[in-house]
Amino acid sequence: MAVVNGNGRAGKRPRRVLNVMRRTHLALGLATGLLVLAAAVTGLLLQYPHLLGRTPVTMTAFVELPGREGCYLRGTDVGLQASQDGGATWDGVPMLMPPGPVLRIVLDPARPEVLYVLGRDGLVLSRDGGRIWEPLDPGPPPGPAWMALIDLSLHPDGTVDLVTGGGFWRTRDGAATWTAHPVTPPPMGSGMHRLVHDLHTGFIAGRAGQRVVTGGAAALVLLVITGFLLALGSRNRRNGRG
């Protein structure tokens, strides 16, 4: 009788260990799932910040249009805006590129009606004081394709330099033709922050990459939610059998 009881106690120990492991695994899985869910949801919201509602606009650039009193252009972190009433009200200006931060607004001193606006995703030009805009495509980028647009400078003779992380484009004929000027690449690692950011957000592949990352985040949300439901259903079935 004692032997049987001893064997019974010996057989119960592995079951207790397995039960503890199952509970620990479930707790760790739930905690990890919550972290993944939070990362996926916040990633989606960062990709589409308008879902969070109206947020204060951060001004990044400002010019007064020559010869038009009270008419202003301002760059913001969500695009270009114009005011016709001295800044009392502002309206968005269609920029022919995805909404995003405006980096610079540059007036041509020799031709005040010519405006260049540099955004994170491209460059646009107006030849009539901001009424009509046209996108500019300088061509293949100097340096790696993932290098970001950084700055725009206009020389007194009308030469325009569009600066990127890997060099700059230059035009001397009013943006009709551009010449790429690569520069010596920086030491390895100095551009890794931008590269990692673009890989994480999908910007390295443009709008298509952003859609892929968005789809992956949505899939992670669905995976975590269905995993919770399956774990809850399995627990309920075990309790029912008990």
C-alpha atoms as a PDB file:
ATOM      1  CA  MET A   1       0.000   0.000   0.000  1.00  0.00           C
ATOM      2  CA  ALA A   2       2.836   2.354   0.860  1.00  0.00           C
ATOM      3  CA  VAL A   3       4.498   1.620  -2.462  1.00  0.00           C
ATOM      4  CA  VAL A   4       1.356   2.482  -4.372  1.00  0.00           C
ATOM      5  CA  ASN A   5       0.952   5.748  -2.449  1.00  0.00           C
ATOM      6  CA  GLY A   6       4.611   6.534  -3.084  1.00  0.00           C
ATOM      7  CA  ASN A   7       4.194   5.953  -6.799  1.00  0.00           C
ATOM      8  CA  GLY A   8       1.042   8.053  -6.751  1.00  0.00           C
ATOM      9  CA  ARG A   9       2.856  10.936  -5.093  1.00  0.00           C
ATOM     10  CA  ALA A  10       5.735  10.536  -7.551  1.00  0.00           C
ATOM     11  CA  GLY A  11       3.302  10.630 -10.454  1.00  0.00           C
ATOM     12  CA  LYS A  12       1.654  13.798  -9.160  1.00  0.00           C
ATOM     13  CA  ARG A  13       4.895  15.770  -9.009  1.00  0.00           C
ATOM     14  CA  PRO A  14       5.461  15.913 -12.797  1.00  0.00           C
ATOM     15  CA  ARG A  15       1.828  16.934 -13.267  1.00  0.00           C
ATOM     16  CA  ARG A  16       2.252  19.774 -10.762  1.00  0.00           C
ATOM     17  CA  VAL A  17       5.414  20.897 -12.548  1.00  0.00           C
ATOM     18  CA  LEU A  18       3.616  20.800 -15.901  1.00  0.00           C
ATOM     19  CA  ASN A  19       0.705  22.779 -14.502  1.00  0.00           C
ATOM     20  CA  VAL A  20       3.073  25.414 -13.124  1.00  0.00           C
ATOM     21  CA  MET A  21       4.839  25.574 -16.490  1.00  0.00           C
ATOM     22  CA  ARG A  22       1.523  25.930 -18.315  1.00  0.00           C
ATOM     23  CA  ARG A  23       0.408  28.755 -16.030  1.00  0.00           C
ATOM     24  CA  THR A  24       3.780  30.485 -16.332  1.00  0.00           C
ATOM     25  CA  HIS A  25       3.748  30.085 -20.109  1.00  0.00           C
ATOM     26  CA  LEU A  26       0.202  31.465 -20.295  1.00  0.00           C
ATOM     27  CA  ALA A  27       1.075  34.456 -18.091  1.00  0.00           C
ATOM     28  CA  LEU A  28       4.200  35.245 -20.108  1.00  0.00           C
ATOM     29  CA  GLY A  29       2.279  34.789 -23.347  1.00  0.00           C
ATOM     30  CA  LEU A  30      -0.473  37.162 -22.208  1.00  0.00           C
ATOM     31  CA  ALA A  31       2.055  39.783 -21.066  1.00  0.00           C
ATOM     32  CA  THR A  32       4.007  39.517 -24.326  1.00  0.00           C
ATOM     33  CA  GLY A  33       0.786  39.620 -26.310  1.00  0.00           C
ATOM     34  CA  LEU A  34      -0.253  42.839 -24.582  1.00  0.00           C
ATOM     35  CA  LEU A  35       3.125  44.403 -25.413  1.00  0.00           C
ATOM     36  CA  VAL A  36       2.855  43.327 -29.059  1.00  0.00           C
ATOM     37  CA  LEU A  37      -0.717  44.619 -29.200  1.00  0.00           C
ATOM     38  CA  ALA A  38       0.337  47.983 -27.756  1.00  0.00           C
ATOM     39  CA  ALA A  39       3.256  48.233 -30.197  1.00  0.00           C
ATOM     40  CA  ALA A  40       1.060  47.356 -33.181  1.00  0.00           C
ATOM     41  CA  VAL A  41      -1.760  49.744 -32.255  1.00  0.00           C
ATOM     42  CA  THR A  42       0.575  52.665 -31.499  1.00  0.00           C
ATOM     43  CA  GLY A  43       2.440  51.919 -34.739  1.00  0.00           C
ATOM     44  CA  LEU A  44      -0.817  52.215 -36.686  1.00  0.00           C
ATOM     45  CA  LEU A  45      -1.664  55.475 -34.929  1.00  0.00           C
ATOM     46  CA  LEU A  46       1.784  56.885 -35.688  1.00  0.00           C
ATOM     47  CA  GLN A  47       1.309  56.020 -39.362  1.00  0.00           C
ATOM     48  CA  TYR A  48      -2.094  57.759 -39.392  1.00  0.00           C
ATOM     49  CA  PRO A  49      -1.963  60.494 -36.704  1.00  0.00           C
ATOM     50  CA  HIS A  50      -5.274  62.018 -37.863  1.00  0.00           C
ATOM     51  CA  LEU A  51      -6.993  59.092 -36.124  1.00  0.00           C
ATOM     52  CA  LEU A  52      -5.945  60.670 -32.814  1.00  0.00           C
ATOM     53  CA  GLY A  53      -7.976  63.793 -33.544  1.00  0.00           C
ATOM     54  CA  ARG A  54      -6.892  67.395 -34.001  1.00  0.00           C
ATOM     55  CA  THR A  55      -3.460  68.255 -32.638  1.00  0.00           C
ATOM     56  CA  PRO A  56      -1.685  71.628 -32.413  1.00  0.00           C
ATOM     57  CA  VAL A  57       0.103  72.559 -35.639  1.00  0.00           C
ATOM     58  CA  THR A  58       3.844  73.113 -35.392  1.00  0.00           C
ATOM     59  CA  MET A  59       5.095  75.844 -37.742  1.00  0.00           C
ATOM     60  CA  THR A  60       8.335  74.966 -39.533  1.00  0.00           C
ATOM     61  CA  ALA A  61       8.657  77.807 -42.095  1.00  0.00           C
ATOM     62  CA  PHE A  62       7.059  81.178 -42.879  1.00  0.00           C
ATOM     63  CA  VAL A  63       7.106  83.774 -45.700  1.00  0.00           C
ATOM     64  CA  GLU A  64       5.081  86.837 -46.640  1.00  0.00           C
ATOM     65  CA  LEU A  65       4.190  86.903 -50.323  1.00  0.00           C
ATOM     66  CA  PRO A  66       5.805  89.956 -51.999  1.00  0.00           C
ATOM     67  CA  GLY A  67       3.370  92.625 -53.168  1.00  0.00           C
ATOM     68  CA  ARG A  68       0.386  90.965 -51.450  1.00  0.00           C
ATOM     69  CA  GLU A  69      -0.155  92.575 -48.072  1.00  0.00           C
ATOM     70  CA  GLY A  70      -1.505  90.212 -45.446  1.00  0.00           C
ATOM     71  CA  CYS A  71      -0.901  87.128 -47.614  1.00  0.00           C
ATOM     72  CA  TYR A  72       1.315  84.565 -45.913  1.00  0.00           C
ATOM     73  CA  LEU A  73       2.522  81.014 -46.455  1.00  0.00           C
ATOM     74  CA  ARG A  74       3.536  78.842 -43.548  1.00  0.00           C
ATOM     75  CA  GLY A  75       5.055  75.392 -43.486  1.00  0.00           C
ATOM     76  CA  THR A  76       3.833  73.051 -40.770  1.00  0.00           C
ATOM     77  CA  ASP A  77       4.434  69.493 -39.670  1.00  0.00           C
ATOM     78  CA  VAL A  78       1.331  68.444 -41.645  1.00  0.00           C
ATOM     79  CA  GLY A  79       1.822  70.408 -44.875  1.00  0.00           C
ATOM     80  CA  LEU A  80       1.667  73.897 -46.396  1.00  0.00           C
ATOM     81  CA  GLN A  81      -0.974  76.464 -45.360  1.00  0.00           C
ATOM     82  CA  ALA A  82      -1.919  79.900 -46.729  1.00  0.00           C
ATOM     83  CA  SER A  83      -3.576  82.938 -45.181  1.00  0.00           C
ATOM     84  CA  GLN A  84      -5.195  85.811 -47.087  1.00  0.00           C
ATOM     85  CA  ASP A  85      -6.232  87.820 -44.018  1.00  0.00           C
ATOM     86  CA  GLY A  86      -3.021  88.540 -42.167  1.00  0.00           C
ATOM     87  CA  GLY A  87      -2.882  85.199 -40.398  1.00  0.00           C
ATOM     88  CA  ALA A  88      -6.371  85.231 -38.865  1.00  0.00           C
ATOM     89  CA  THR A  89      -7.346  82.063 -40.732  1.00  0.00           C
ATOM     90  CA  TRP A  90      -5.329  79.414 -42.556  1.00  0.00           C
ATOM     91  CA  ASP A  91      -6.235  76.975 -45.339  1.00  0.00           C
ATOM     92  CA  GLY A  92      -4.332  73.931 -46.509  1.00  0.00           C
ATOM     93  CA  VAL A  93      -2.528  74.186 -49.863  1.00  0.00           C
ATOM     94  CA  PRO A  94      -2.589  71.033 -52.047  1.00  0.00           C
ATOM     95  CA  MET A  95       1.088  70.160 -52.501  1.00  0.00           C
ATOM     96  CA  LEU A  96       0.878  67.326 -55.064  1.00  0.00           C
ATOM     97  CA  MET A  97       2.700  65.036 -52.616  1.00  0.00           C
ATOM     98  CA  PRO A  98       1.759  63.117 -49.451  1.00  0.00           C
ATOM     99  CA  PRO A  99       0.973  65.362 -46.454  1.00  0.00           C
ATOM    100  CA  GLY A 100       4.022  65.782 -44.295  1.00  0.00           C
ATOM    101  CA  PRO A 101       6.415  68.277 -42.733  1.00  0.00           C
ATOM    102  CA  VAL A 102       7.464  71.286 -44.794  1.00  0.00           C
ATOM    103  CA  LEU A 103      11.194  71.885 -44.379  1.00  0.00           C
ATOM    104  CA  ARG A 104      11.762  75.147 -46.286  1.00  0.00           C
ATOM    105  CA  ILE A 105       9.919  77.853 -48.239  1.00  0.00           C
ATOM    106  CA  VAL A 106      12.259  79.800 -50.524  1.00  0.00           C
ATOM    107  CA  LEU A 107      11.479  82.909 -52.620  1.00  0.00           C
ATOM    108  CA  ASP A 108      13.511  83.737 -55.702  1.00  0.00           C
ATOM    109  CA  PRO A 109      14.842  87.262 -55.010  1.00  0.00           C
ATOM    110  CA  ALA A 110      15.155  88.009 -58.723  1.00  0.00           C
ATOM    111  CA  ARG A 111      11.644  86.740 -59.465  1.00  0.00           C
ATOM    112  CA  PRO A 112       9.448  87.180 -56.361  1.00  0.00           C
ATOM    113  CA  GLU A 113       6.574  85.296 -57.968  1.00  0.00           C
ATOM    114  CA  VAL A 114       8.687  82.095 -58.016  1.00  0.00           C
ATOM    115  CA  LEU A 115       8.394  79.948 -54.888  1.00  0.00           C
ATOM    116  CA  TYR A 116      10.055  76.677 -53.944  1.00  0.00           C
ATOM    117  CA  VAL A 117       8.639  74.524 -51.144  1.00  0.00           C
ATOM    118  CA  LEU A 118      10.665  71.608 -49.835  1.00  0.00           C
ATOM    119  CA  GLY A 119       8.807  68.857 -48.002  1.00  0.00           C
ATOM    120  CA  ARG A 120       9.979  65.622 -46.487  1.00  0.00           C
ATOM    121  CA  ASP A 121       8.615  63.718 -49.494  1.00  0.00           C
ATOM    122  CA  GLY A 122       9.487  66.039 -52.367  1.00  0.00           C
ATOM    123  CA  LEU A 123       9.891  69.479 -53.898  1.00  0.00           C
ATOM    124  CA  VAL A 124       7.237  71.685 -55.548  1.00  0.00           C
ATOM    125  CA  LEU A 125       7.461  74.954 -57.468  1.00  0.00           C
ATOM    126  CA  SER A 126       5.062  77.830 -58.086  1.00  0.00           C
ATOM    127  CA  ARG A 127       5.745  80.371 -60.825  1.00  0.00           C
ATOM    128  CA  ASP A 128       2.770  82.635 -60.028  1.00  0.00           C
ATOM    129  CA  GLY A 129       3.083  83.463 -56.343  1.00  0.00           C
ATOM    130  CA  GLY A 130       1.579  80.289 -54.942  1.00  0.00           C
ATOM    131  CA  ARG A 131      -1.612  79.980 -57.000  1.00  0.00           C
ATOM    132  CA  ILE A 132      -0.545  76.977 -59.107  1.00  0.00           C
ATOM    133  CA  TRP A 133       2.021  74.394 -58.031  1.00  0.00           C
ATOM    134  CA  GLU A 134       3.998  71.816 -59.993  1.00  0.00           C
ATOM    135  CA  PRO A 135       6.070  68.915 -58.649  1.00  0.00           C
ATOM    136  CA  LEU A 136       9.779  68.811 -59.457  1.00  0.00           C
ATOM    137  CA  ASP A 137      11.664  65.591 -60.096  1.00  0.00           C
ATOM    138  CA  PRO A 138      15.422  66.184 -60.102  1.00  0.00           C
ATOM    139  CA  GLY A 139      16.077  62.567 -61.117  1.00  0.00           C
ATOM    140  CA  PRO A 140      18.099  59.759 -59.529  1.00  0.00           C
ATOM    141  CA  PRO A 141      19.254  60.822 -56.061  1.00  0.00           C
ATOM    142  CA  PRO A 142      22.900  61.544 -55.314  1.00  0.00           C
ATOM    143  CA  GLY A 143      24.011  58.840 -52.924  1.00  0.00           C
ATOM    144  CA  PRO A 144      21.809  56.030 -51.511  1.00  0.00           C
ATOM    145  CA  ALA A 145      18.123  56.193 -52.447  1.00  0.00           C
ATOM    146  CA  TRP A 146      17.010  56.159 -48.801  1.00  0.00           C
ATOM    147  CA  MET A 147      18.851  59.379 -47.945  1.00  0.00           C
ATOM    148  CA  ALA A 148      16.429  62.054 -46.771  1.00  0.00           C
ATOM    149  CA  LEU A 149      15.817  65.511 -48.247  1.00  0.00           C
ATOM    150  CA  ILE A 150      17.424  68.023 -45.906  1.00  0.00           C
ATOM    151  CA  ASP A 151      17.521  71.577 -47.225  1.00  0.00           C
ATOM    152  CA  LEU A 152      17.047  73.932 -50.162  1.00  0.00           C
ATOM    153  CA  SER A 153      19.199  76.949 -50.961  1.00  0.00           C
ATOM    154  CA  LEU A 154      18.827  79.631 -53.618  1.00  0.00           C
ATOM    155  CA  HIS A 155      21.840  81.613 -54.853  1.00  0.00           C
ATOM    156  CA  PRO A 156      21.663  85.249 -56.071  1.00  0.00           C
ATOM    157  CA  ASP A 157      22.259  84.133 -59.670  1.00  0.00           C
ATOM    158  CA  GLY A 158      19.178  81.850 -59.538  1.00  0.00           C
ATOM    159  CA  THR A 159      21.080  78.610 -58.945  1.00  0.00           C
ATOM    160  CA  VAL A 160      19.114  76.227 -56.728  1.00  0.00           C
ATOM    161  CA  ASP A 161      20.686  73.490 -54.586  1.00  0.00           C
ATOM    162  CA  LEU A 162      18.521  70.681 -53.218  1.00  0.00           C
ATOM    163  CA  VAL A 163      20.457  69.015 -50.406  1.00  0.00           C
ATOM    164  CA  THR A 164      20.083  65.379 -49.346  1.00  0.00           C
ATOM    165  CA  GLY A 165      21.939  63.144 -46.926  1.00  0.00           C
ATOM    166  CA  GLY A 166      24.053  61.797 -49.789  1.00  0.00           C
ATOM    167  CA  GLY A 167      24.845  64.957 -51.762  1.00  0.00           C
ATOM    168  CA  PHE A 168      22.855  67.593 -53.620  1.00  0.00           C
ATOM    169  CA  TRP A 169      21.111  68.376 -56.893  1.00  0.00           C
ATOM    170  CA  ARG A 170      21.776  71.688 -58.662  1.00  0.00           C
ATOM    171  CA  THR A 171      19.825  73.551 -61.303  1.00  0.00           C
ATOM    172  CA  ARG A 172      20.866  76.739 -63.091  1.00  0.00           C
ATOM    173  CA  ASP A 173      17.940  77.044 -65.509  1.00  0.00           C
ATOM    174  CA  GLY A 174      14.855  77.456 -63.345  1.00  0.00           C
ATOM    175  CA  ALA A 175      14.443  73.755 -62.502  1.00  0.00           C
ATOM    176  CA  ALA A 176      14.350  72.655 -66.158  1.00  0.00           C
ATOM    177  CA  THR A 177      17.391  70.392 -65.704  1.00  0.00           C
ATOM    178  CA  TRP A 178      19.199  69.129 -62.607  1.00  0.00           C
ATOM    179  CA  THR A 179      22.701  67.783 -62.020  1.00  0.00           C
ATOM    180  CA  ALA A 180      23.455  65.343 -59.192  1.00  0.00           C
ATOM    181  CA  HIS A 181      26.520  65.958 -57.038  1.00  0.00           C
ATOM    182  CA  PRO A 182      27.247  63.015 -54.719  1.00  0.00           C
ATOM    183  CA  VAL A 183      29.466  63.620 -51.712  1.00  0.00           C
ATOM    184  CA  THR A 184      31.825  61.350 -49.823  1.00  0.00           C
ATOM    185  CA  PRO A 185      29.662  59.119 -47.649  1.00  0.00           C
ATOM    186  CA  PRO A 186      29.811  59.788 -43.906  1.00  0.00           C
ATOM    187  CA  PRO A 187      31.463  57.291 -41.555  1.00  0.00           C
ATOM    188  CA  MET A 188      29.523  54.061 -41.119  1.00  0.00           C
ATOM    189  CA  GLY A 189      26.851  54.361 -38.461  1.00  0.00           C
ATOM    190  CA  SER A 190      26.094  58.102 -38.637  1.00  0.00           C
ATOM    191  CA  GLY A 191      23.072  57.495 -40.865  1.00  0.00           C
ATOM    192  CA  MET A 192      21.901  54.300 -39.203  1.00  0.00           C
ATOM    193  CA  HIS A 193      19.237  56.036 -37.105  1.00  0.00           C
ATOM    194  CA  ARG A 194      17.444  57.260 -40.232  1.00  0.00           C
ATOM    195  CA  LEU A 195      17.876  53.896 -41.957  1.00  0.00           C
ATOM    196  CA  VAL A 196      16.424  51.979 -38.999  1.00  0.00           C
ATOM    197  CA  HIS A 197      13.531  54.448 -38.776  1.00  0.00           C
ATOM    198  CA  ASP A 198      12.720  54.089 -42.476  1.00  0.00           C
ATOM    199  CA  LEU A 199      12.925  50.300 -42.276  1.00  0.00           C
ATOM    200  CA  HIS A 200      10.615  50.241 -39.236  1.00  0.00           C
ATOM    201  CA  THR A 201       8.015  52.571 -40.748  1.00  0.00           C
ATOM    202  CA  GLY A 202       8.296  51.273 -44.327  1.00  0.00           C
ATOM    203  CA  PHE A 203       9.304  54.693 -45.690  1.00  0.00           C
ATOM    204  CA  ILE A 204      12.377  53.096 -47.255  1.00  0.00           C
ATOM    205  CA  ALA A 205      10.020  51.745 -49.947  1.00  0.00           C
ATOM    206  CA  GLY A 206       7.837  54.853 -50.162  1.00  0.00           C
ATOM    207  CA  ARG A 207       4.066  54.775 -49.792  1.00  0.00           C
ATOM    208  CA  ALA A 208       3.939  51.106 -50.808  1.00  0.00           C
ATOM    209  CA  GLY A 209       6.281  50.222 -47.946  1.00  0.00           C
ATOM    210  CA  GLN A 210       4.118  52.171 -45.513  1.00  0.00           C
ATOM    211  CA  ARG A 211       1.087  50.156 -46.619  1.00  0.00           C
ATOM    212  CA  VAL A 212       3.001  46.898 -46.090  1.00  0.00           C
ATOM    213  CA  VAL A 213       3.979  47.941 -42.553  1.00  0.00           C
ATOM    214  CA  THR A 214       0.395  48.992 -41.853  1.00  0.00           C
ATOM    215  CA  GLY A 215      -0.861  45.606 -43.042  1.00  0.00           C
ATOM    216  CA  GLY A 216       1.691  43.822 -40.869  1.00  0.00           C
ATOM    217  CA  ALA A 217       0.673  45.833 -37.802  1.00  0.00           C
ATOM    218  CA  ALA A 218      -2.996  45.076 -38.454  1.00  0.00           C
ATOM    219  CA  ALA A 219      -2.150  41.379 -38.817  1.00  0.00           C
ATOM    220  CA  LEU A 220      -0.304  41.452 -35.473  1.00  0.00           C
ATOM    221  CA  VAL A 221      -3.329  43.022 -33.780  1.00  0.00           C
ATOM    222  CA  LEU A 222      -5.583  40.309 -35.213  1.00  0.00           C
ATOM    223  CA  LEU A 223      -3.095  37.586 -34.232  1.00  0.00           C
ATOM    224  CA  VAL A 224      -2.903  38.732 -30.613  1.00  0.00           C
ATOM    225  CA  ILE A 225      -6.677  39.151 -30.238  1.00  0.00           C
ATOM    226  CA  THR A 226      -7.449  35.732 -31.719  1.00  0.00           C
ATOM    227  CA  GLY A 227      -4.708  34.208 -29.519  1.00  0.00           C
ATOM    228  CA  PHE A 228      -6.382  35.662 -26.427  1.00  0.00           C
ATOM    229  CA  LEU A 229      -9.739  34.296 -27.519  1.00  0.00           C
ATOM    230  CA  LEU A 230      -8.297  30.829 -28.184  1.00  0.00           C
ATOM    231  CA  ALA A 231      -6.543  30.776 -24.792  1.00  0.00           C
ATOM    232  CA  LEU A 232      -9.746  31.860 -23.035  1.00  0.00           C
ATOM    233  CA  GLY A 233     -11.786  29.237 -24.888  1.00  0.00           C
ATOM    234  CA  SER A 234      -9.280  26.488 -24.016  1.00  0.00           C
ATOM    235  CA  ARG A 235      -9.368  27.465 -20.336  1.00  0.00           C
ATOM    236  CA  ASN A 236     -13.159  27.459 -20.279  1.00  0.00           C
ATOM    237  CA  ARG A 237     -13.240  23.970 -21.843  1.00  0.00           C
ATOM    238  CA  ARG A 238     -10.806  22.652 -19.211  1.00  0.00           C
ATOM    239  CA  ASN A 239     -12.880  24.169 -16.431  1.00  0.00           C
ATOM    240  CA  GLY A 240     -16.004  22.599 -17.913  1.00  0.00           C
ATOM    241  CA  ARG A 241     -14.399  19.155 -17.948  1.00  0.00           C
ATOM    242  CA  GLY A 242     -13.220  19.652 -14.376  1.00  0.00           C
END
